[in-house]
Amino acid sequence: MEDAWEDAKLRYPVGSTAHGVVRVRRPFGVFIELDGAPEVIALLDIASYNPDPLVVELPEVGEGVFGEVAFHDEQKRQIRVRVGAPFWNDDAGRADMGGGSGAD
């Protein structure tokens, strides 16, 4: 498994585009089998799912997903994936969360 993990990190460096198929769906996110790295699990958590256009539900089991590699979790040996811009970069999301100045 060590070689598979090292190979997956090389194939999917942070910032690169990843594609895979959802294999498990949980309330907190989905686990993805990445193309070319089936031995290594990728995780797309709900906070990292911000597709454009916005979709409320996480992808279903069997659905293909494209995303950006956000980081490598060495301890869990997972590749973390993000879809869309980080929620903290979303101007509309900040406004909804009370990010306005209140000077209006």
PDB file of N, CA and C in Angstrom:
ATOM      1  N   MET A   1       0.825  -1.205   0.000  1.00  0.00           N
ATOM      2  CA  MET A   1       0.000   0.000   0.000  1.00  0.00           C
ATOM      3  C   MET A   1       0.859   1.255   0.000  1.00  0.00           C
ATOM      4  N   GLU A   2       2.051   1.185   0.623  1.00  0.00           N
ATOM      5  CA  GLU A   2       2.927   2.353   0.676  1.00  0.00           C
ATOM      6  C   GLU A   2       3.249   2.851  -0.726  1.00  0.00           C
ATOM      7  N   ASP A   3       3.586   1.933  -1.653  1.00  0.00           N
ATOM      8  CA  ASP A   3       3.895   2.337  -3.018  1.00  0.00           C
ATOM      9  C   ASP A   3       2.680   2.948  -3.703  1.00  0.00           C
ATOM     10  N   ALA A   4       1.495   2.394  -3.462  1.00  0.00           N
ATOM     11  CA  ALA A   4       0.270   2.938  -4.060  1.00  0.00           C
ATOM     12  C   ALA A   4       0.026   4.361  -3.570  1.00  0.00           C
ATOM     13  N   TRP A   5       0.269   4.607  -2.278  1.00  0.00           N
ATOM     14  CA  TRP A   5       0.090   5.949  -1.716  1.00  0.00           C
ATOM     15  C   TRP A   5       1.072   6.933  -2.352  1.00  0.00           C
ATOM     16  N   GLU A   6       2.332   6.546  -2.436  1.00  0.00           N
ATOM     17  CA  GLU A   6       3.343   7.424  -3.039  1.00  0.00           C
ATOM     18  C   GLU A   6       3.030   7.678  -4.514  1.00  0.00           C
ATOM     19  N   ASP A   7       2.615   6.638  -5.232  1.00  0.00           N
ATOM     20  CA  ASP A   7       2.247   6.796  -6.642  1.00  0.00           C
ATOM     21  C   ASP A   7       1.058   7.738  -6.806  1.00  0.00           C
ATOM     22  N   ALA A   8       0.063   7.614  -5.927  1.00  0.00           N
ATOM     23  CA  ALA A   8      -1.130   8.468  -6.005  1.00  0.00           C
ATOM     24  C   ALA A   8      -0.768   9.923  -5.740  1.00  0.00           C
ATOM     25  N   LYS A   9       0.125  10.175  -4.793  1.00  0.00           N
ATOM     26  CA  LYS A   9       0.540  11.554  -4.519  1.00  0.00           C
ATOM     27  C   LYS A   9       1.254  12.161  -5.728  1.00  0.00           C
ATOM     28  N   LEU A  10       2.041  11.346  -6.424  1.00  0.00           N
ATOM     29  CA  LEU A  10       2.721  11.841  -7.624  1.00  0.00           C
ATOM     30  C   LEU A  10       1.735  12.077  -8.765  1.00  0.00           C
ATOM     31  N   ARG A  11       0.778  11.182  -8.897  1.00  0.00           N
ATOM     32  CA  ARG A  11      -0.215  11.295  -9.972  1.00  0.00           C
ATOM     33  C   ARG A  11      -1.168  12.466  -9.733  1.00  0.00           C
ATOM     34  N   TYR A  12      -1.474  12.720  -8.447  1.00  0.00           N
ATOM     35  CA  TYR A  12      -2.422  13.768  -8.070  1.00  0.00           C
ATOM     36  C   TYR A  12      -1.774  14.758  -7.104  1.00  0.00           C
ATOM     37  N   PRO A  13      -0.880  15.614  -7.599  1.00  0.00           N
ATOM     38  CA  PRO A  13      -0.271  16.604  -6.706  1.00  0.00           C
ATOM     39  C   PRO A  13      -1.298  17.665  -6.283  1.00  0.00           C
ATOM     40  N   VAL A  14      -1.038  18.312  -5.176  1.00  0.00           N
ATOM     41  CA  VAL A  14      -1.915  19.376  -4.697  1.00  0.00           C
ATOM     42  C   VAL A  14      -2.050  20.436  -5.794  1.00  0.00           C
ATOM     43  N   GLY A  15      -3.291  20.837  -6.052  1.00  0.00           N
ATOM     44  CA  GLY A  15      -3.579  21.828  -7.084  1.00  0.00           C
ATOM     45  C   GLY A  15      -3.970  21.223  -8.418  1.00  0.00           C
ATOM     46  N   SER A  16      -3.745  19.924  -8.583  1.00  0.00           N
ATOM     47  CA  SER A  16      -4.079  19.274  -9.851  1.00  0.00           C
ATOM     48  C   SER A  16      -5.564  18.896  -9.887  1.00  0.00           C
ATOM     49  N   THR A  17      -6.034  18.577 -11.078  1.00  0.00           N
ATOM     50  CA  THR A  17      -7.410  18.130 -11.254  1.00  0.00           C
ATOM     51  C   THR A  17      -7.475  16.618 -11.081  1.00  0.00           C
ATOM     52  N   ALA A  18      -8.463  16.185 -10.322  1.00  0.00           N
ATOM     53  CA  ALA A  18      -8.666  14.757 -10.098  1.00  0.00           C
ATOM     54  C   ALA A  18     -10.046  14.361 -10.603  1.00  0.00           C
ATOM     55  N   HIS A  19     -10.156  13.135 -11.069  1.00  0.00           N
ATOM     56  CA  HIS A  19     -11.445  12.584 -11.471  1.00  0.00           C
ATOM     57  C   HIS A  19     -11.581  11.204 -10.866  1.00  0.00           C
ATOM     58  N   GLY A  20     -12.785  10.907 -10.450  1.00  0.00           N
ATOM     59  CA  GLY A  20     -13.055   9.584  -9.914  1.00  0.00           C
ATOM     60  C   GLY A  20     -14.544   9.348  -9.804  1.00  0.00           C
ATOM     61  N   VAL A  21     -14.882   8.220  -9.214  1.00  0.00           N
ATOM     62  CA  VAL A  21     -16.281   7.800  -9.072  1.00  0.00           C
ATOM     63  C   VAL A  21     -16.606   7.647  -7.596  1.00  0.00           C
ATOM     64  N   VAL A  22     -17.751   8.185  -7.198  1.00  0.00           N
ATOM     65  CA  VAL A  22     -18.193   8.078  -5.809  1.00  0.00           C
ATOM     66  C   VAL A  22     -18.483   6.615  -5.502  1.00  0.00           C
ATOM     67  N   ARG A  23     -17.851   6.095  -4.447  1.00  0.00           N
ATOM     68  CA  ARG A  23     -18.058   4.705  -4.027  1.00  0.00           C
ATOM     69  C   ARG A  23     -18.869   4.605  -2.743  1.00  0.00           C
ATOM     70  N   VAL A  24     -18.749   5.616  -1.856  1.00  0.00           N
ATOM     71  CA  VAL A  24     -19.478   5.628  -0.586  1.00  0.00           C
ATOM     72  C   VAL A  24     -19.960   7.049  -0.338  1.00  0.00           C
ATOM     73  N   ARG A  25     -21.207   7.171   0.116  1.00  0.00           N
ATOM     74  CA  ARG A  25     -21.787   8.488   0.422  1.00  0.00           C
ATOM     75  C   ARG A  25     -22.202   8.509   1.887  1.00  0.00           C
ATOM     76  N   ARG A  26     -21.763   9.539   2.592  1.00  0.00           N
ATOM     77  CA  ARG A  26     -22.093   9.729   3.998  1.00  0.00           C
ATOM     78  C   ARG A  26     -22.614  11.165   4.176  1.00  0.00           C
ATOM     79  N   PRO A  27     -23.266  11.474   5.292  1.00  0.00           N
ATOM     80  CA  PRO A  27     -23.774  12.840   5.502  1.00  0.00           C
ATOM     81  C   PRO A  27     -22.676  13.905   5.470  1.00  0.00           C
ATOM     82  N   PHE A  28     -21.455  13.565   5.847  1.00  0.00           N
ATOM     83  CA  PHE A  28     -20.358  14.531   5.905  1.00  0.00           C
ATOM     84  C   PHE A  28     -19.578  14.652   4.601  1.00  0.00           C
ATOM     85  N   GLY A  29     -19.815  13.748   3.639  1.00  0.00           N
ATOM     86  CA  GLY A  29     -19.083  13.801   2.383  1.00  0.00           C
ATOM     87  C   GLY A  29     -19.129  12.486   1.634  1.00  0.00           C
ATOM     88  N   VAL A  30     -18.320  12.415   0.569  1.00  0.00           N
ATOM     89  CA  VAL A  30     -18.277  11.205  -0.244  1.00  0.00           C
ATOM     90  C   VAL A  30     -16.840  10.720  -0.374  1.00  0.00           C
ATOM     91  N   PHE A  31     -16.707   9.406  -0.493  1.00  0.00           N
ATOM     92  CA  PHE A  31     -15.421   8.784  -0.733  1.00  0.00           C
ATOM     93  C   PHE A  31     -15.356   8.420  -2.207  1.00  0.00           C
ATOM     94  N   ILE A  32     -14.245   8.769  -2.826  1.00  0.00           N
ATOM     95  CA  ILE A  32     -14.095   8.655  -4.273  1.00  0.00           C
ATOM     96  C   ILE A  32     -12.961   7.701  -4.613  1.00  0.00           C
ATOM     97  N   GLU A  33     -13.216   6.845  -5.587  1.00  0.00           N
ATOM     98  CA  GLU A  33     -12.163   6.018  -6.172  1.00  0.00           C
ATOM     99  C   GLU A  33     -11.591   6.805  -7.339  1.00  0.00           C
ATOM    100  N   LEU A  34     -10.341   7.213  -7.227  1.00  0.00           N
ATOM    101  CA  LEU A  34      -9.712   8.039  -8.250  1.00  0.00           C
ATOM    102  C   LEU A  34      -9.258   7.212  -9.441  1.00  0.00           C
ATOM    103  N   ASP A  35      -9.380   7.799 -10.614  1.00  0.00           N
ATOM    104  CA  ASP A  35      -8.875   7.151 -11.827  1.00  0.00           C
ATOM    105  C   ASP A  35      -7.379   6.897 -11.668  1.00  0.00           C
ATOM    106  N   GLY A  36      -6.961   5.683 -11.932  1.00  0.00           N
ATOM    107  CA  GLY A  36      -5.552   5.342 -11.894  1.00  0.00           C
ATOM    108  C   GLY A  36      -4.978   5.125 -10.507  1.00  0.00           C
ATOM    109  N   ALA A  37      -5.805   5.251  -9.469  1.00  0.00           N
ATOM    110  CA  ALA A  37      -5.316   5.049  -8.102  1.00  0.00           C
ATOM    111  C   ALA A  37      -6.408   4.417  -7.238  1.00  0.00           C
ATOM    112  N   PRO A  38      -6.927   3.252  -7.653  1.00  0.00           N
ATOM    113  CA  PRO A  38      -8.059   2.668  -6.933  1.00  0.00           C
ATOM    114  C   PRO A  38      -7.738   2.212  -5.509  1.00  0.00           C
ATOM    115  N   GLU A  39      -6.452   2.056  -5.178  1.00  0.00           N
ATOM    116  CA  GLU A  39      -6.095   1.605  -3.831  1.00  0.00           C
ATOM    117  C   GLU A  39      -6.123   2.734  -2.804  1.00  0.00           C
ATOM    118  N   VAL A  40      -6.155   3.980  -3.293  1.00  0.00           N
ATOM    119  CA  VAL A  40      -6.103   5.150  -2.413  1.00  0.00           C
ATOM    120  C   VAL A  40      -7.463   5.832  -2.428  1.00  0.00           C
ATOM    121  N   ILE A  41      -7.944   6.178  -1.250  1.00  0.00           N
ATOM    122  CA  ILE A  41      -9.260   6.806  -1.116  1.00  0.00           C
ATOM    123  C   ILE A  41      -9.116   8.316  -1.181  1.00  0.00           C
ATOM    124  N   ALA A  42     -10.039   8.932  -1.891  1.00  0.00           N
ATOM    125  CA  ALA A  42     -10.141  10.391  -1.890  1.00  0.00           C
ATOM    126  C   ALA A  42     -11.404  10.757  -1.127  1.00  0.00           C
ATOM    127  N   LEU A  43     -11.345  11.864  -0.404  1.00  0.00           N
ATOM    128  CA  LEU A  43     -12.494  12.338   0.351  1.00  0.00           C
ATOM    129  C   LEU A  43     -12.874  13.725  -0.134  1.00  0.00           C
ATOM    130  N   LEU A  44     -14.142  13.886  -0.428  1.00  0.00           N
ATOM    131  CA  LEU A  44     -14.739  15.184  -0.742  1.00  0.00           C
ATOM    132  C   LEU A  44     -15.732  15.454   0.371  1.00  0.00           C
ATOM    133  N   ASP A  45     -15.367  16.343   1.323  1.00  0.00           N
ATOM    134  CA  ASP A  45     -16.286  16.601   2.430  1.00  0.00           C
ATOM    135  C   ASP A  45     -17.270  17.702   2.044  1.00  0.00           C
ATOM    136  N   ILE A  46     -18.352  17.792   2.774  1.00  0.00           N
ATOM    137  CA  ILE A  46     -19.442  18.697   2.424  1.00  0.00           C
ATOM    138  C   ILE A  46     -18.997  20.159   2.412  1.00  0.00           C
ATOM    139  N   ALA A  47     -18.071  20.533   3.276  1.00  0.00           N
ATOM    140  CA  ALA A  47     -17.581  21.917   3.309  1.00  0.00           C
ATOM    141  C   ALA A  47     -16.739  22.257   2.082  1.00  0.00           C
ATOM    142  N   SER A  48     -16.226  21.241   1.404  1.00  0.00           N
ATOM    143  CA  SER A  48     -15.397  21.453   0.213  1.00  0.00           C
ATOM    144  C   SER A  48     -16.179  21.277  -1.078  1.00  0.00           C
ATOM    145  N   TYR A  49     -17.492  21.129  -0.971  1.00  0.00           N
ATOM    146  CA  TYR A  49     -18.337  20.913  -2.149  1.00  0.00           C
ATOM    147  C   TYR A  49     -19.108  22.192  -2.424  1.00  0.00           C
ATOM    148  N   ASN A  50     -18.625  22.954  -3.410  1.00  0.00           N
ATOM    149  CA  ASN A  50     -19.199  24.246  -3.756  1.00  0.00           C
ATOM    150  C   ASN A  50     -19.242  24.374  -5.281  1.00  0.00           C
ATOM    151  N   PRO A  51     -19.979  23.476  -5.954  1.00  0.00           N
ATOM    152  CA  PRO A  51     -19.962  23.491  -7.424  1.00  0.00           C
ATOM    153  C   PRO A  51     -20.633  24.743  -7.979  1.00  0.00           C
ATOM    154  N   ASP A  52     -20.300  25.060  -9.217  1.00  0.00           N
ATOM    155  CA  ASP A  52     -20.910  26.184  -9.925  1.00  0.00           C
ATOM    156  C   ASP A  52     -21.509  25.625 -11.204  1.00  0.00           C
ATOM    157  N   PRO A  53     -22.821  25.637 -11.360  1.00  0.00           N
ATOM    158  CA  PRO A  53     -23.818  26.224 -10.469  1.00  0.00           C
ATOM    159  C   PRO A  53     -23.989  25.387  -9.204  1.00  0.00           C
ATOM    160  N   LEU A  54     -24.447  26.063  -8.154  1.00  0.00           N
ATOM    161  CA  LEU A  54     -24.582  25.433  -6.851  1.00  0.00           C
ATOM    162  C   LEU A  54     -25.584  24.284  -6.884  1.00  0.00           C
ATOM    163  N   VAL A  55     -25.178  23.163  -6.303  1.00  0.00           N
ATOM    164  CA  VAL A  55     -26.027  21.981  -6.154  1.00  0.00           C
ATOM    165  C   VAL A  55     -26.048  21.667  -4.662  1.00  0.00           C
ATOM    166  N   VAL A  56     -27.230  21.479  -4.115  1.00  0.00           N
ATOM    167  CA  VAL A  56     -27.361  21.286  -2.672  1.00  0.00           C
ATOM    168  C   VAL A  56     -26.886  19.906  -2.236  1.00  0.00           C
ATOM    169  N   GLU A  57     -27.212  18.884  -2.987  1.00  0.00           N
ATOM    170  CA  GLU A  57     -26.905  17.503  -2.600  1.00  0.00           C
ATOM    171  C   GLU A  57     -25.508  17.097  -3.048  1.00  0.00           C
ATOM    172  N   LEU A  58     -24.863  16.285  -2.230  1.00  0.00           N
ATOM    173  CA  LEU A  58     -23.600  15.669  -2.619  1.00  0.00           C
ATOM    174  C   LEU A  58     -23.841  14.685  -3.756  1.00  0.00           C
ATOM    175  N   PRO A  59     -22.809  14.386  -4.543  1.00  0.00           N
ATOM    176  CA  PRO A  59     -22.967  13.404  -5.617  1.00  0.00           C
ATOM    177  C   PRO A  59     -23.385  12.036  -5.079  1.00  0.00           C
ATOM    178  N   GLU A  60     -24.097  11.291  -5.907  1.00  0.00           N
ATOM    179  CA  GLU A  60     -24.579   9.953  -5.543  1.00  0.00           C
ATOM    180  C   GLU A  60     -23.515   8.892  -5.829  1.00  0.00           C
ATOM    181  N   VAL A  61     -23.657   7.738  -5.216  1.00  0.00           N
ATOM    182  CA  VAL A  61     -22.781   6.598  -5.483  1.00  0.00           C
ATOM    183  C   VAL A  61     -22.855   6.268  -6.975  1.00  0.00           C
ATOM    184  N   GLY A  62     -21.701   6.064  -7.586  1.00  0.00           N
ATOM    185  CA  GLY A  62     -21.620   5.757  -9.009  1.00  0.00           C
ATOM    186  C   GLY A  62     -21.446   6.983  -9.892  1.00  0.00           C
ATOM    187  N   GLU A  63     -21.624   8.165  -9.339  1.00  0.00           N
ATOM    188  CA  GLU A  63     -21.508   9.406 -10.104  1.00  0.00           C
ATOM    189  C   GLU A  63     -20.044   9.802 -10.235  1.00  0.00           C
ATOM    190  N   GLY A  64     -19.670  10.294 -11.407  1.00  0.00           N
ATOM    191  CA  GLY A  64     -18.324  10.800 -11.635  1.00  0.00           C
ATOM    192  C   GLY A  64     -18.162  12.190 -11.045  1.00  0.00           C
ATOM    193  N   VAL A  65     -16.953  12.471 -10.550  1.00  0.00           N
ATOM    194  CA  VAL A  65     -16.666  13.761  -9.916  1.00  0.00           C
ATOM    195  C   VAL A  65     -15.316  14.269 -10.418  1.00  0.00           C
ATOM    196  N   PHE A  66     -15.281  15.540 -10.818  1.00  0.00           N
ATOM    197  CA  PHE A  66     -14.036  16.240 -11.102  1.00  0.00           C
ATOM    198  C   PHE A  66     -13.817  17.237  -9.982  1.00  0.00           C
ATOM    199  N   GLY A  67     -12.600  17.369  -9.509  1.00  0.00           N
ATOM    200  CA  GLY A  67     -12.303  18.341  -8.467  1.00  0.00           C
ATOM    201  C   GLY A  67     -10.823  18.651  -8.430  1.00  0.00           C
ATOM    202  N   GLU A  68     -10.473  19.568  -7.545  1.00  0.00           N
ATOM    203  CA  GLU A  68      -9.089  19.970  -7.355  1.00  0.00           C
ATOM    204  C   GLU A  68      -8.536  19.282  -6.113  1.00  0.00           C
ATOM    205  N   VAL A  69      -7.328  18.769  -6.216  1.00  0.00           N
ATOM    206  CA  VAL A  69      -6.681  18.168  -5.056  1.00  0.00           C
ATOM    207  C   VAL A  69      -6.318  19.291  -4.094  1.00  0.00           C
ATOM    208  N   ALA A  70      -6.904  19.245  -2.883  1.00  0.00           N
ATOM    209  CA  ALA A  70      -6.691  20.284  -1.888  1.00  0.00           C
ATOM    210  C   ALA A  70      -5.471  19.995  -1.013  1.00  0.00           C
ATOM    211  N   PHE A  71      -5.321  18.752  -0.595  1.00  0.00           N
ATOM    212  CA  PHE A  71      -4.133  18.355   0.161  1.00  0.00           C
ATOM    213  C   PHE A  71      -4.075  16.840   0.300  1.00  0.00           C
ATOM    214  N   HIS A  72      -2.900  16.377   0.728  1.00  0.00           N
ATOM    215  CA  HIS A  72      -2.674  14.956   0.994  1.00  0.00           C
ATOM    216  C   HIS A  72      -2.681  14.768   2.504  1.00  0.00           C
ATOM    217  N   ASP A  73      -3.542  13.918   2.989  1.00  0.00           N
ATOM    218  CA  ASP A  73      -3.614  13.602   4.410  1.00  0.00           C
ATOM    219  C   ASP A  73      -2.716  12.393   4.659  1.00  0.00           C
ATOM    220  N   GLU A  74      -1.505  12.660   5.099  1.00  0.00           N
ATOM    221  CA  GLU A  74      -0.508  11.595   5.286  1.00  0.00           C
ATOM    222  C   GLU A  74      -0.956  10.577   6.340  1.00  0.00           C
ATOM    223  N   GLN A  75      -1.551  11.057   7.422  1.00  0.00           N
ATOM    224  CA  GLN A  75      -1.943  10.169   8.509  1.00  0.00           C
ATOM    225  C   GLN A  75      -3.016   9.174   8.066  1.00  0.00           C
ATOM    226  N   LYS A  76      -4.035   9.668   7.360  1.00  0.00           N
ATOM    227  CA  LYS A  76      -5.131   8.803   6.914  1.00  0.00           C
ATOM    228  C   LYS A  76      -4.872   8.204   5.542  1.00  0.00           C
ATOM    229  N   ARG A  77      -3.807   8.678   4.891  1.00  0.00           N
ATOM    230  CA  ARG A  77      -3.482   8.236   3.533  1.00  0.00           C
ATOM    231  C   ARG A  77      -4.665   8.465   2.599  1.00  0.00           C
ATOM    232  N   GLN A  78      -5.193   9.693   2.679  1.00  0.00           N
ATOM    233  CA  GLN A  78      -6.305  10.116   1.824  1.00  0.00           C
ATOM    234  C   GLN A  78      -5.894  11.334   1.026  1.00  0.00           C
ATOM    235  N   ILE A  79      -6.463  11.418  -0.158  1.00  0.00           N
ATOM    236  CA  ILE A  79      -6.329  12.620  -0.957  1.00  0.00           C
ATOM    237  C   ILE A  79      -7.620  13.405  -0.768  1.00  0.00           C
ATOM    238  N   ARG A  80      -7.501  14.640  -0.305  1.00  0.00           N
ATOM    239  CA  ARG A  80      -8.678  15.475  -0.080  1.00  0.00           C
ATOM    240  C   ARG A  80      -8.941  16.292  -1.337  1.00  0.00           C
ATOM    241  N   VAL A  81     -10.187  16.283  -1.767  1.00  0.00           N
ATOM    242  CA  VAL A  81     -10.594  16.920  -3.013  1.00  0.00           C
ATOM    243  C   VAL A  81     -11.601  18.021  -2.712  1.00  0.00           C
ATOM    244  N   ARG A  82     -11.525  19.101  -3.491  1.00  0.00           N
ATOM    245  CA  ARG A  82     -12.462  20.214  -3.378  1.00  0.00           C
ATOM    246  C   ARG A  82     -13.115  20.413  -4.744  1.00  0.00           C
ATOM    247  N   VAL A  83     -14.417  20.690  -4.744  1.00  0.00           N
ATOM    248  CA  VAL A  83     -15.142  21.004  -5.974  1.00  0.00           C
ATOM    249  C   VAL A  83     -15.599  22.451  -5.878  1.00  0.00           C
ATOM    250  N   GLY A  84     -15.148  23.271  -6.810  1.00  0.00           N
ATOM    251  CA  GLY A  84     -15.501  24.686  -6.811  1.00  0.00           C
ATOM    252  C   GLY A  84     -14.591  25.474  -5.893  1.00  0.00           C
ATOM    253  N   ALA A  85     -14.880  26.762  -5.815  1.00  0.00           N
ATOM    254  CA  ALA A  85     -14.084  27.661  -4.982  1.00  0.00           C
ATOM    255  C   ALA A  85     -14.307  27.342  -3.510  1.00  0.00           C
ATOM    256  N   PRO A  86     -13.299  27.556  -2.677  1.00  0.00           N
ATOM    257  CA  PRO A  86     -13.512  27.379  -1.235  1.00  0.00           C
ATOM    258  C   PRO A  86     -14.647  28.285  -0.766  1.00  0.00           C
ATOM    259  N   PHE A  87     -15.449  27.799   0.164  1.00  0.00           N
ATOM    260  CA  PHE A  87     -16.612  28.564   0.596  1.00  0.00           C
ATOM    261  C   PHE A  87     -16.220  29.927   1.162  1.00  0.00           C
ATOM    262  N   TRP A  88     -15.019  30.057   1.705  1.00  0.00           N
ATOM    263  CA  TRP A  88     -14.604  31.342   2.269  1.00  0.00           C
ATOM    264  C   TRP A  88     -14.253  32.360   1.188  1.00  0.00           C
ATOM    265  N   ASN A  89     -14.154  31.934  -0.085  1.00  0.00           N
ATOM    266  CA  ASN A  89     -13.919  32.854  -1.200  1.00  0.00           C
ATOM    267  C   ASN A  89     -15.203  33.238  -1.904  1.00  0.00           C
ATOM    268  N   ASP A  90     -16.329  32.763  -1.426  1.00  0.00           N
ATOM    269  CA  ASP A  90     -17.624  32.984  -2.063  1.00  0.00           C
ATOM    270  C   ASP A  90     -18.276  34.238  -1.483  1.00  0.00           C
ATOM    271  N   ASP A  91     -18.292  35.333  -2.256  1.00  0.00           N
ATOM    272  CA  ASP A  91     -18.857  36.598  -1.781  1.00  0.00           C
ATOM    273  C   ASP A  91     -20.309  36.446  -1.362  1.00  0.00           C
ATOM    274  N   ALA A  92     -21.089  35.687  -2.126  1.00  0.00           N
ATOM    275  CA  ALA A  92     -22.500  35.495  -1.779  1.00  0.00           C
ATOM    276  C   ALA A  92     -22.620  34.755  -0.459  1.00  0.00           C
ATOM    277  N   GLY A  93     -21.777  33.755  -0.248  1.00  0.00           N
ATOM    278  CA  GLY A  93     -21.812  32.991   0.987  1.00  0.00           C
ATOM    279  C   GLY A  93     -21.458  33.847   2.186  1.00  0.00           C
ATOM    280  N   ARG A  94     -20.475  34.745   2.021  1.00  0.00           N
ATOM    281  CA  ARG A  94     -20.102  35.621   3.133  1.00  0.00           C
ATOM    282  C   ARG A  94     -21.231  36.563   3.477  1.00  0.00           C
ATOM    283  N   ALA A  95     -21.934  37.058   2.450  1.00  0.00           N
ATOM    284  CA  ALA A  95     -23.056  37.973   2.721  1.00  0.00           C
ATOM    285  C   ALA A  95     -24.158  37.251   3.489  1.00  0.00           C
ATOM    286  N   ASP A  96     -24.415  36.007   3.094  1.00  0.00           N
ATOM    287  CA  ASP A  96     -25.449  35.223   3.773  1.00  0.00           C
ATOM    288  C   ASP A  96     -25.067  34.919   5.219  1.00  0.00           C
ATOM    289  N   MET A  97     -23.775  34.887   5.501  1.00  0.00           N
ATOM    290  CA  MET A  97     -23.310  34.550   6.837  1.00  0.00           C
ATOM    291  C   MET A  97     -23.109  35.794   7.695  1.00  0.00           C
ATOM    292  N   GLY A  98     -23.668  36.932   7.249  1.00  0.00           N
ATOM    293  CA  GLY A  98     -23.536  38.153   8.032  1.00  0.00           C
ATOM    294  C   GLY A  98     -22.215  38.858   7.809  1.00  0.00           C
ATOM    295  N   GLY A  99     -21.613  38.643   6.644  1.00  0.00           N
ATOM    296  CA  GLY A  99     -20.313  39.249   6.357  1.00  0.00           C
ATOM    297  C   GLY A  99     -20.395  40.695   5.931  1.00  0.00           C
ATOM    298  N   GLY A 100     -21.590  41.234   5.806  1.00  0.00           N
ATOM    299  CA  GLY A 100     -21.736  42.633   5.406  1.00  0.00           C
ATOM    300  C   GLY A 100     -21.339  43.575   6.511  1.00  0.00           C
ATOM    301  N   SER A 101     -21.143  44.846   6.148  1.00  0.00           N
ATOM    302  CA  SER A 101     -20.696  45.818   7.137  1.00  0.00           C
ATOM    303  C   SER A 101     -21.819  46.342   8.006  1.00  0.00           C
ATOM    304  N   GLY A 102     -23.080  46.191   7.538  1.00  0.00           N
ATOM    305  CA  GLY A 102     -24.205  46.683   8.293  1.00  0.00           C
ATOM    306  C   GLY A 102     -24.397  48.182   8.130  1.00  0.00           C
ATOM    307  N   ALA A 103     -23.638  48.811   7.245  1.00  0.00           N
ATOM    308  CA  ALA A 103     -23.707  50.267   7.048  1.00  0.00           C
ATOM    309  C   ALA A 103     -24.773  50.655   6.053  1.00  0.00           C
ATOM    310  N   ASP A 104     -25.520  49.691   5.517  1.00  0.00           N
ATOM    311  CA  ASP A 104     -26.509  49.997   4.485  1.00  0.00           C
ATOM    312  C   ASP A 104     -27.670  50.765   5.028  1.00  0.00           C
TER     313      ASP A 104
END
